[in-house]
Protein backbone atom coordinates (compact mmCIF):
# COMPACT_ATOMS: atom_id res chain seq x y z
CA MET A 1 -81.67 -42.24 -32.44
CA ASN A 2 -84.30 -39.86 -35.29
CA SER A 3 -83.19 -39.94 -38.88
CA ASP A 4 -81.41 -37.73 -39.29
CA GLN A 5 -78.95 -38.19 -36.44
CA CYS A 6 -77.33 -42.02 -38.08
CA LEU A 7 -77.31 -40.71 -41.51
CA SER A 8 -74.73 -38.72 -43.81
CA PRO A 9 -75.69 -35.23 -43.81
CA GLU A 10 -78.23 -34.58 -47.02
CA ARG A 11 -77.37 -36.13 -50.23
CA SER A 12 -78.82 -35.13 -53.60
CA MET A 13 -78.71 -34.98 -57.22
CA THR A 14 -76.24 -32.96 -59.15
CA GLY A 15 -76.45 -34.14 -63.15
CA SER A 16 -80.61 -33.23 -65.40
CA PHE A 17 -80.15 -36.85 -66.67
CA GLU A 18 -80.75 -38.70 -63.49
CA LYS A 19 -83.20 -36.00 -61.72
CA TYR A 20 -84.75 -36.24 -65.06
CA LEU A 21 -84.46 -39.40 -66.44
CA THR A 22 -88.37 -39.85 -66.25
CA ILE A 23 -88.45 -36.94 -67.91
CA TRP A 24 -85.82 -37.85 -71.09
CA VAL A 25 -88.47 -40.97 -70.81
CA GLY A 26 -91.19 -39.46 -71.88
CA LEU A 27 -89.36 -37.04 -74.57
CA CYS A 28 -87.86 -39.91 -76.28
CA ILE A 29 -91.66 -41.56 -76.33
CA LEU A 30 -93.00 -38.31 -78.24
CA ALA A 31 -89.78 -38.07 -80.45
CA GLY A 32 -90.46 -41.83 -81.21
CA ILE A 33 -93.86 -42.26 -81.62
CA ALA A 34 -93.42 -38.98 -84.46
CA LEU A 35 -90.23 -40.36 -86.08
CA GLY A 36 -92.47 -43.89 -86.16
CA ARG A 37 -94.70 -40.86 -88.19
CA LEU A 38 -92.91 -38.73 -89.83
CA ALA A 39 -90.81 -41.61 -91.05
CA PRO A 40 -91.70 -45.47 -90.42
CA GLY A 41 -89.06 -47.62 -92.73
CA LEU A 42 -85.87 -45.72 -90.94
CA ALA A 43 -86.21 -47.94 -86.95
CA LYS A 44 -86.38 -51.63 -89.64
CA GLN A 45 -84.01 -50.00 -91.38
CA LEU A 46 -81.90 -49.99 -88.81
CA ASP A 47 -83.26 -53.40 -87.05
CA GLN A 48 -82.22 -54.71 -89.98
CA MET A 49 -78.80 -53.93 -89.74
CA SER A 50 -77.71 -57.51 -88.05
CA ILE A 51 -75.67 -60.42 -87.74
CA GLU A 52 -77.06 -62.96 -89.32
CA VAL A 53 -76.35 -66.77 -88.51
CA ASN A 54 -77.74 -69.57 -90.11
CA GLY A 55 -79.75 -66.42 -92.75
CA ALA A 56 -81.68 -65.32 -89.31
CA PRO A 57 -81.33 -62.06 -88.01
CA VAL A 58 -79.51 -62.09 -84.36
CA VAL A 59 -77.61 -59.64 -83.23
CA SER A 60 -78.99 -55.84 -84.29
CA ILE A 61 -75.48 -53.79 -84.79
CA PRO A 62 -76.93 -50.52 -83.90
CA ILE A 63 -78.40 -51.59 -80.10
CA ALA A 64 -75.06 -53.62 -79.76
CA ILE A 65 -73.10 -50.27 -80.06
CA CYS A 66 -75.57 -48.18 -78.19
CA LEU A 67 -75.93 -51.11 -75.03
CA PHE A 68 -72.20 -51.08 -75.38
CA PHE A 69 -71.98 -47.03 -74.84
CA MET A 70 -74.26 -47.91 -71.83
CA MET A 71 -72.79 -51.03 -70.26
CA TYR A 72 -69.14 -49.60 -70.22
CA PRO A 73 -68.82 -46.97 -68.30
CA ILE A 74 -70.78 -48.73 -65.41
CA MET A 75 -68.49 -51.47 -65.54
CA VAL A 76 -64.99 -49.82 -65.50
CA LYS A 77 -66.23 -47.35 -62.80
CA ILE A 78 -65.41 -50.94 -60.41
CA ASP A 79 -62.88 -52.86 -58.84
CA PHE A 80 -63.11 -55.70 -59.42
CA ALA A 81 -60.38 -56.50 -56.99
CA LYS A 82 -62.60 -55.69 -54.14
CA VAL A 83 -65.11 -58.06 -54.62
CA ILE A 84 -63.56 -60.14 -51.62
CA GLN A 85 -64.21 -57.30 -49.78
CA ALA A 86 -67.89 -59.42 -49.39
CA SER A 87 -67.15 -61.29 -47.39
CA LYS A 88 -66.97 -59.06 -44.26
CA LYS A 89 -70.48 -58.68 -45.87
CA GLY A 90 -71.68 -62.28 -45.30
CA LYS A 91 -76.10 -61.11 -44.73
CA PRO A 92 -75.84 -58.25 -47.04
CA VAL A 93 -74.96 -60.15 -49.85
CA PHE A 94 -76.59 -63.04 -48.82
CA LEU A 95 -79.83 -61.26 -48.82
CA THR A 96 -79.71 -59.54 -51.98
CA LEU A 97 -78.76 -62.66 -53.76
CA LEU A 98 -81.35 -64.71 -52.57
CA ILE A 99 -83.85 -62.32 -52.83
CA ASN A 100 -82.26 -60.99 -56.66
CA TRP A 101 -81.84 -64.64 -57.63
CA GLY A 102 -83.94 -67.11 -55.71
CA VAL A 103 -87.48 -64.77 -55.77
CA LYS A 104 -87.66 -61.99 -57.78
CA PRO A 105 -87.79 -64.25 -60.73
CA PHE A 106 -90.54 -66.46 -59.71
CA THR A 107 -92.65 -63.57 -58.20
CA MET A 108 -92.25 -61.34 -60.83
CA TYR A 109 -93.27 -64.31 -63.33
CA ALA A 110 -96.83 -64.94 -61.38
CA LEU A 111 -97.29 -61.55 -61.43
CA ALA A 112 -97.12 -60.54 -65.02
CA LEU A 113 -99.09 -63.66 -65.36
CA PHE A 114 -101.95 -62.88 -63.25
CA PHE A 115 -102.34 -59.76 -64.36
CA LEU A 116 -101.37 -59.62 -68.14
CA GLY A 117 -102.39 -63.15 -68.83
CA MET A 118 -105.53 -63.26 -67.06
CA LEU A 119 -107.08 -60.39 -64.87
CA LEU A 120 -106.55 -57.58 -67.86
CA LYS A 121 -106.10 -59.85 -71.16
CA GLY A 122 -108.89 -59.19 -72.31
CA LEU A 123 -108.57 -55.75 -71.98
CA ILE A 124 -104.89 -55.81 -73.86
CA GLY A 125 -107.18 -57.94 -76.04
CA THR A 126 -107.42 -61.34 -76.42
CA GLU A 127 -107.19 -61.92 -79.37
CA ALA A 128 -104.20 -59.09 -80.23
CA MET A 129 -101.65 -60.71 -82.00
CA ASP A 130 -97.81 -59.50 -81.58
CA VAL A 131 -94.97 -61.54 -84.80
CA VAL A 132 -91.39 -61.94 -83.22
CA LYS A 133 -88.63 -63.70 -84.25
CA LEU A 134 -87.55 -67.48 -84.03
CA PRO A 135 -85.37 -68.97 -82.68
CA PHE A 136 -81.87 -68.94 -85.14
CA GLY A 137 -81.51 -71.88 -85.93
CA LEU A 138 -85.33 -73.01 -86.04
CA ASN A 139 -86.69 -73.69 -88.95
CA LEU A 140 -90.46 -74.89 -89.03
CA PRO A 141 -92.36 -74.48 -91.73
CA LEU A 142 -95.37 -72.05 -92.09
CA ARG A 143 -98.20 -72.54 -89.42
CA ALA A 144 -96.38 -75.30 -87.27
CA GLN A 145 -96.79 -74.30 -83.56
CA HIS A 146 -93.55 -73.71 -81.52
CA GLY A 147 -94.97 -72.88 -77.94
CA ALA A 148 -97.80 -70.47 -77.91
CA GLY A 149 -97.55 -69.57 -81.28
CA THR A 150 -97.26 -70.16 -85.14
CA VAL A 151 -95.12 -69.70 -88.17
CA VAL A 152 -96.19 -67.21 -90.07
CA MET A 153 -94.41 -65.24 -92.81
CA PHE A 154 -94.01 -61.52 -91.78
CA GLU A 155 -92.71 -59.11 -94.67
CA GLY A 156 -91.06 -61.73 -96.47
CA VAL A 157 -89.65 -63.21 -93.21
CA LYS A 158 -90.56 -66.36 -91.30
CA MET A 159 -91.24 -65.02 -87.64
CA LEU A 160 -94.14 -66.34 -84.72
CA GLN A 161 -96.90 -65.08 -84.40
CA ILE A 162 -97.60 -65.06 -80.41
CA PRO A 163 -100.45 -63.23 -78.20
CA LEU A 164 -100.15 -60.34 -77.94
CA TRP A 165 -99.98 -60.11 -73.80
CA ARG A 166 -98.00 -63.30 -74.22
CA SER A 167 -95.25 -60.37 -75.55
CA TYR A 168 -94.94 -58.43 -72.92
CA PHE A 169 -94.59 -60.78 -71.08
CA ALA A 170 -91.36 -61.97 -71.89
CA GLY A 171 -90.45 -58.12 -71.28
CA CYS A 172 -91.11 -58.83 -68.26
CA ILE A 173 -89.51 -61.83 -67.46
CA LEU A 174 -86.56 -60.78 -69.24
CA LEU A 175 -86.54 -57.47 -66.49
CA GLY A 176 -87.02 -59.43 -63.47
CA VAL A 177 -83.97 -61.75 -64.09
CA ALA A 178 -81.75 -58.39 -64.92
CA PRO A 179 -81.12 -56.65 -61.28
CA CYS A 180 -79.53 -53.56 -61.64
CA THR A 181 -75.58 -52.62 -61.76
CA ALA A 182 -76.21 -49.33 -63.04
CA MET A 183 -79.23 -46.40 -61.08
CA VAL A 184 -78.99 -48.21 -58.33
CA LEU A 185 -75.13 -46.87 -57.34
CA VAL A 186 -77.53 -43.35 -57.55
CA TRP A 187 -79.96 -44.84 -55.58
CA GLY A 188 -77.65 -45.74 -52.39
CA TYR A 189 -76.16 -42.91 -52.71
CA LEU A 190 -79.40 -40.63 -52.18
CA ALA A 191 -80.62 -43.52 -50.02
CA LYS A 192 -77.87 -42.73 -47.51
CA GLY A 193 -76.73 -46.07 -46.95
CA ASN A 194 -72.72 -48.34 -47.37
CA GLU A 195 -71.68 -47.25 -51.36
CA GLY A 196 -68.88 -49.87 -50.69
CA LEU A 197 -71.79 -52.62 -50.11
CA THR A 198 -73.13 -51.44 -53.79
CA LEU A 199 -69.98 -51.50 -55.80
CA ILE A 200 -69.07 -55.14 -54.42
CA MET A 201 -72.91 -55.97 -55.23
CA VAL A 202 -73.15 -53.97 -58.59
CA ALA A 203 -69.81 -56.36 -59.21
CA ILE A 204 -71.09 -59.45 -58.22
CA ASN A 205 -74.74 -59.56 -60.14
CA SER A 206 -72.53 -57.98 -63.02
CA LEU A 207 -70.70 -61.67 -62.30
CA THR A 208 -73.85 -63.86 -61.43
CA MET A 209 -75.53 -62.74 -64.87
CA LEU A 210 -72.75 -64.04 -67.24
CA VAL A 211 -74.06 -67.78 -65.52
CA LEU A 212 -78.17 -67.08 -64.79
CA TYR A 213 -79.20 -64.25 -66.27
CA GLY A 214 -79.31 -66.85 -69.14
CA VAL A 215 -80.22 -69.76 -67.11
CA LEU A 216 -83.37 -68.23 -65.26
CA GLY A 217 -84.78 -66.29 -68.45
CA GLY A 218 -84.70 -69.28 -70.70
CA PHE A 219 -86.35 -71.07 -68.06
CA LEU A 220 -89.68 -69.00 -67.47
CA LEU A 221 -89.61 -68.74 -70.95
CA GLY A 222 -90.24 -72.04 -71.91
CA VAL A 223 -92.10 -72.48 -68.81
CA GLY A 224 -94.22 -69.17 -70.33
CA GLN A 225 -95.02 -71.33 -73.51
CA LEU A 226 -92.61 -69.01 -75.49
CA PRO A 227 -90.08 -69.39 -78.04
CA VAL A 228 -86.55 -70.68 -75.78
CA PRO A 229 -83.27 -69.23 -78.12
CA TRP A 230 -81.13 -70.56 -75.49
CA GLN A 231 -78.41 -69.95 -78.36
CA ALA A 232 -79.55 -65.74 -78.75
CA LEU A 233 -79.40 -65.81 -74.61
CA LEU A 234 -75.70 -67.15 -74.49
CA LEU A 235 -75.07 -65.04 -77.29
CA SER A 236 -76.50 -62.22 -75.76
CA ILE A 237 -74.58 -62.58 -72.46
CA CYS A 238 -71.71 -62.92 -74.00
CA ILE A 239 -72.17 -59.64 -76.27
CA TYR A 240 -74.34 -57.17 -73.76
CA VAL A 241 -72.35 -57.91 -70.21
CA ALA A 242 -69.09 -59.73 -70.83
CA LEU A 243 -68.46 -57.20 -73.94
CA PRO A 244 -68.57 -54.01 -71.81
CA LEU A 245 -67.78 -56.26 -68.10
CA ALA A 246 -64.12 -58.26 -70.11
CA THR A 247 -63.19 -54.34 -72.03
CA GLY A 248 -64.03 -52.32 -68.60
CA TYR A 249 -61.54 -54.12 -66.42
CA LEU A 250 -59.42 -53.96 -68.80
CA SER A 251 -59.62 -50.49 -69.37
CA ARG A 252 -59.20 -49.65 -66.25
CA LYS A 253 -56.59 -51.21 -64.81
CA TRP A 254 -54.54 -49.77 -68.29
CA ILE A 255 -55.42 -46.34 -67.32
CA ILE A 256 -54.95 -45.89 -64.04
CA GLN A 257 -51.62 -47.65 -64.54
CA ALA A 258 -51.12 -45.10 -67.38
CA LYS A 259 -52.65 -41.66 -65.96
CA GLY A 260 -52.86 -42.78 -62.58
CA GLU A 261 -56.35 -42.82 -60.73
CA ALA A 262 -57.58 -38.72 -59.89
CA TRP A 263 -56.98 -38.37 -63.82
CA PHE A 264 -59.43 -41.92 -63.71
CA GLN A 265 -61.88 -40.85 -61.19
CA GLU A 266 -61.77 -36.44 -62.15
CA ARG A 267 -61.34 -36.53 -66.65
CA PHE A 268 -62.29 -39.96 -67.70
CA LEU A 269 -65.26 -41.21 -66.18
CA HIS A 270 -67.28 -37.64 -66.56
CA LEU A 271 -65.40 -37.59 -70.41
CA LEU A 272 -68.64 -41.23 -70.91
CA THR A 273 -71.12 -39.69 -69.17
CA PRO A 274 -72.89 -37.21 -72.09
CA ILE A 275 -72.31 -40.91 -74.18
CA THR A 276 -73.76 -42.34 -72.51
CA ILE A 277 -77.37 -41.25 -72.13
CA GLY A 278 -76.99 -40.06 -75.73
CA ALA A 279 -76.76 -44.52 -76.43
CA LEU A 280 -79.87 -44.64 -73.96
CA LEU A 281 -82.01 -42.54 -75.49
CA LEU A 282 -82.02 -43.22 -79.13
CA THR A 283 -81.75 -46.70 -78.16
CA LEU A 284 -85.50 -45.73 -76.70
CA VAL A 285 -86.98 -43.41 -79.64
CA LEU A 286 -85.55 -46.60 -82.00
CA LEU A 287 -87.68 -48.59 -79.96
CA PHE A 288 -90.81 -46.28 -79.47
CA SER A 289 -90.43 -44.73 -83.28
CA PHE A 290 -91.78 -48.39 -84.42
CA LYS A 291 -93.99 -48.62 -81.14
CA GLY A 292 -95.84 -45.75 -82.10
CA LYS A 293 -99.23 -46.77 -83.85
CA VAL A 294 -99.09 -49.79 -81.10
CA ILE A 295 -98.94 -47.25 -78.42
CA LEU A 296 -102.15 -44.37 -80.50
CA GLU A 297 -104.23 -47.06 -81.29
CA ASN A 298 -103.93 -48.66 -77.69
CA PRO A 299 -103.29 -45.46 -75.50
CA LEU A 300 -103.32 -47.52 -72.14
CA THR A 301 -101.01 -50.12 -73.28
CA ILE A 302 -98.31 -48.58 -71.53
CA LEU A 303 -101.10 -48.31 -67.89
CA TRP A 304 -101.49 -52.13 -68.82
CA ILE A 305 -96.94 -53.62 -68.88
CA SER A 306 -96.56 -50.76 -65.70
CA ILE A 307 -99.17 -52.26 -63.18
CA PRO A 308 -97.36 -55.69 -62.68
CA LEU A 309 -94.57 -53.99 -62.69
CA PHE A 310 -95.27 -51.62 -60.07
CA LEU A 311 -95.76 -54.04 -57.90
CA GLN A 312 -92.89 -56.31 -58.19
CA THR A 313 -90.88 -52.63 -57.29
CA LEU A 314 -93.08 -52.57 -54.14
CA LEU A 315 -93.16 -56.95 -53.53
CA ILE A 316 -89.24 -56.36 -53.37
CA PHE A 317 -88.45 -53.78 -51.95
CA ALA A 318 -90.60 -55.24 -49.07
CA LEU A 319 -89.21 -58.54 -48.92
CA GLY A 320 -85.53 -56.99 -48.81
CA TYR A 321 -86.03 -54.38 -46.01
CA GLY A 322 -88.35 -57.06 -44.05
CA GLY A 323 -85.17 -59.07 -44.15
CA ALA A 324 -82.76 -56.91 -43.13
CA LYS A 325 -84.73 -56.20 -40.42
CA LEU A 326 -84.76 -59.68 -39.45
CA LEU A 327 -81.17 -59.86 -39.99
CA LYS A 328 -81.03 -57.39 -38.01
CA LEU A 329 -78.55 -55.17 -40.25
CA LYS A 330 -77.71 -51.69 -39.98
CA TYR A 331 -79.50 -48.88 -41.99
CA GLU A 332 -76.56 -48.31 -43.92
CA ASP A 333 -76.04 -51.80 -45.40
CA ALA A 334 -80.37 -52.60 -45.27
CA ALA A 335 -81.06 -49.85 -47.57
CA PRO A 336 -78.77 -51.18 -50.81
CA VAL A 337 -80.22 -54.26 -50.44
CA ALA A 338 -83.84 -53.47 -50.59
CA LEU A 339 -83.00 -50.18 -53.71
CA ILE A 340 -80.66 -53.70 -55.70
CA GLY A 341 -83.44 -55.73 -55.78
CA ALA A 342 -86.13 -53.63 -56.77
CA SER A 343 -84.36 -52.52 -59.67
CA ASN A 344 -84.24 -53.61 -63.17
CA HIS A 345 -81.90 -54.13 -64.98
CA PHE A 346 -82.83 -52.70 -68.03
CA GLU A 347 -80.43 -51.24 -70.56
CA VAL A 348 -79.69 -55.39 -70.88
CA ALA A 349 -83.48 -55.89 -70.82
CA ILE A 350 -84.27 -54.13 -73.61
CA ALA A 351 -80.32 -54.99 -75.91
CA THR A 352 -81.72 -58.77 -74.90
CA ALA A 353 -85.45 -57.64 -75.82
CA VAL A 354 -84.62 -56.53 -78.85
CA MET A 355 -82.25 -59.32 -79.79
CA LEU A 356 -84.56 -62.68 -79.41
CA PHE A 357 -87.79 -61.01 -80.70
CA GLY A 358 -87.13 -57.35 -82.06
CA LEU A 359 -87.14 -54.23 -82.44
CA SER A 360 -90.70 -53.78 -83.50
CA SER A 361 -91.87 -56.18 -80.26
CA GLY A 362 -94.25 -56.63 -77.02
CA ALA A 363 -91.97 -57.43 -75.31
CA ALA A 364 -89.30 -54.61 -76.30
CA LEU A 365 -91.87 -52.42 -75.14
CA ALA A 366 -92.40 -53.92 -71.91
CA THR A 367 -88.79 -53.36 -70.91
CA VAL A 368 -89.13 -49.50 -72.32
CA VAL A 369 -92.47 -49.26 -70.05
CA GLY A 370 -89.80 -50.94 -66.87
CA VAL A 371 -87.61 -47.86 -67.71
CA LEU A 372 -90.25 -45.35 -68.04
CA ILE A 373 -92.03 -46.23 -64.48
CA GLU A 374 -88.71 -46.98 -62.41
CA VAL A 375 -87.51 -43.45 -61.42
CA PRO A 376 -90.09 -42.49 -59.72
CA ILE A 377 -90.92 -45.11 -57.95
CA MET A 378 -87.52 -45.43 -56.99
CA LEU A 379 -86.98 -41.45 -55.93
CA LEU A 380 -90.21 -43.11 -53.54
CA LEU A 381 -89.04 -45.79 -52.01
CA VAL A 382 -85.71 -43.50 -50.90
CA GLU A 383 -87.53 -41.26 -49.24
CA PHE A 384 -89.74 -44.41 -47.73
CA CYS A 385 -85.92 -45.31 -46.69
CA LYS A 386 -84.49 -42.64 -45.34
CA LYS A 387 -87.22 -41.59 -42.85
CA THR A 388 -87.04 -44.96 -41.82
CA SER A 389 -84.49 -44.56 -41.12
CA ARG A 390 -84.65 -45.11 -37.67
CA PHE A 391 -86.28 -48.75 -37.50
CA PHE A 392 -82.88 -49.95 -37.81
CA ALA A 393 -79.41 -50.86 -35.66
CA PRO A 394 -77.20 -47.34 -35.42
CA ASP A 395 -73.70 -47.60 -37.38
CA THR A 396 -71.28 -47.99 -34.61
């Protein structure tokens, strides 16, 4: 049986945003760098619009607003009542959870440490430093040591000065502990996978993130001698995952009761698309407006960061796809399992990096590089899935 016989009719991207996401991200980089040169104080002023706890800026209000409108349309699409159907898909659900939470965070840590902290450290700059936020509630004197950093005064605020490679390393960690719950719906669709399984796994990952994202993220940051703002991690999960999750669930229920399923699917969801796109692109412009100088002075920065992220994507895909083959899964289940593990929830990673380390941090830049490289890589993996579908058991 060839691949054409076991797959459904050809699927393609219908939205210009998904189809040209890499181009949009590239334009945001250029727009952000230009904005940073023309109005250098704008991003800084926006970053200062924050909710403070004990006198320390914790939640960037503009980023929180943007991320809510990125996350809400994802959450409102999910029928959480169908999560119970996961019990009928024991093997793929188990494999997906194992890859996402038992393997992926640790391989990301190892790859990022090897490349950024060892192999490419000299190219990044052994003496290059970054300043990031202190964990709120931590009041240390100037020149005090905290992990691998030193407390310094930066523009009138106590900050933590850490090696630049460690800041990029932190961003990679935040990507590694954020399984995708957004674009994976697109990847699974294009690969002609089981869309029902994909939706179920999106729901399960969203719920699992409420507990494991902060726990694993904090643990790996601590092992990497980076600041571990446990309170901020918890607050990040509440704002960036729990709030849109709860709002999506409740509003979906109310809208369907009031207007019906057809109106919800055909009218309401379409209204959210341009808002979601605008929020994501605006966030990227803000990030690059603050990091434009670093990129222009070190144009290969994005390349150095992308190397471990690229290898991580291929490794996790191979483990998921190979594991699905060993478990004798059907192709329709194997493709989503591999693609969910390989892709990242870059929206949450970006927002968390901004909250924990600051809009201008190398950690925030690293999470944006994740967006930049993910789309072309995932499209290649989708094509690989379709070409190799015949190696899996047919759907009977």
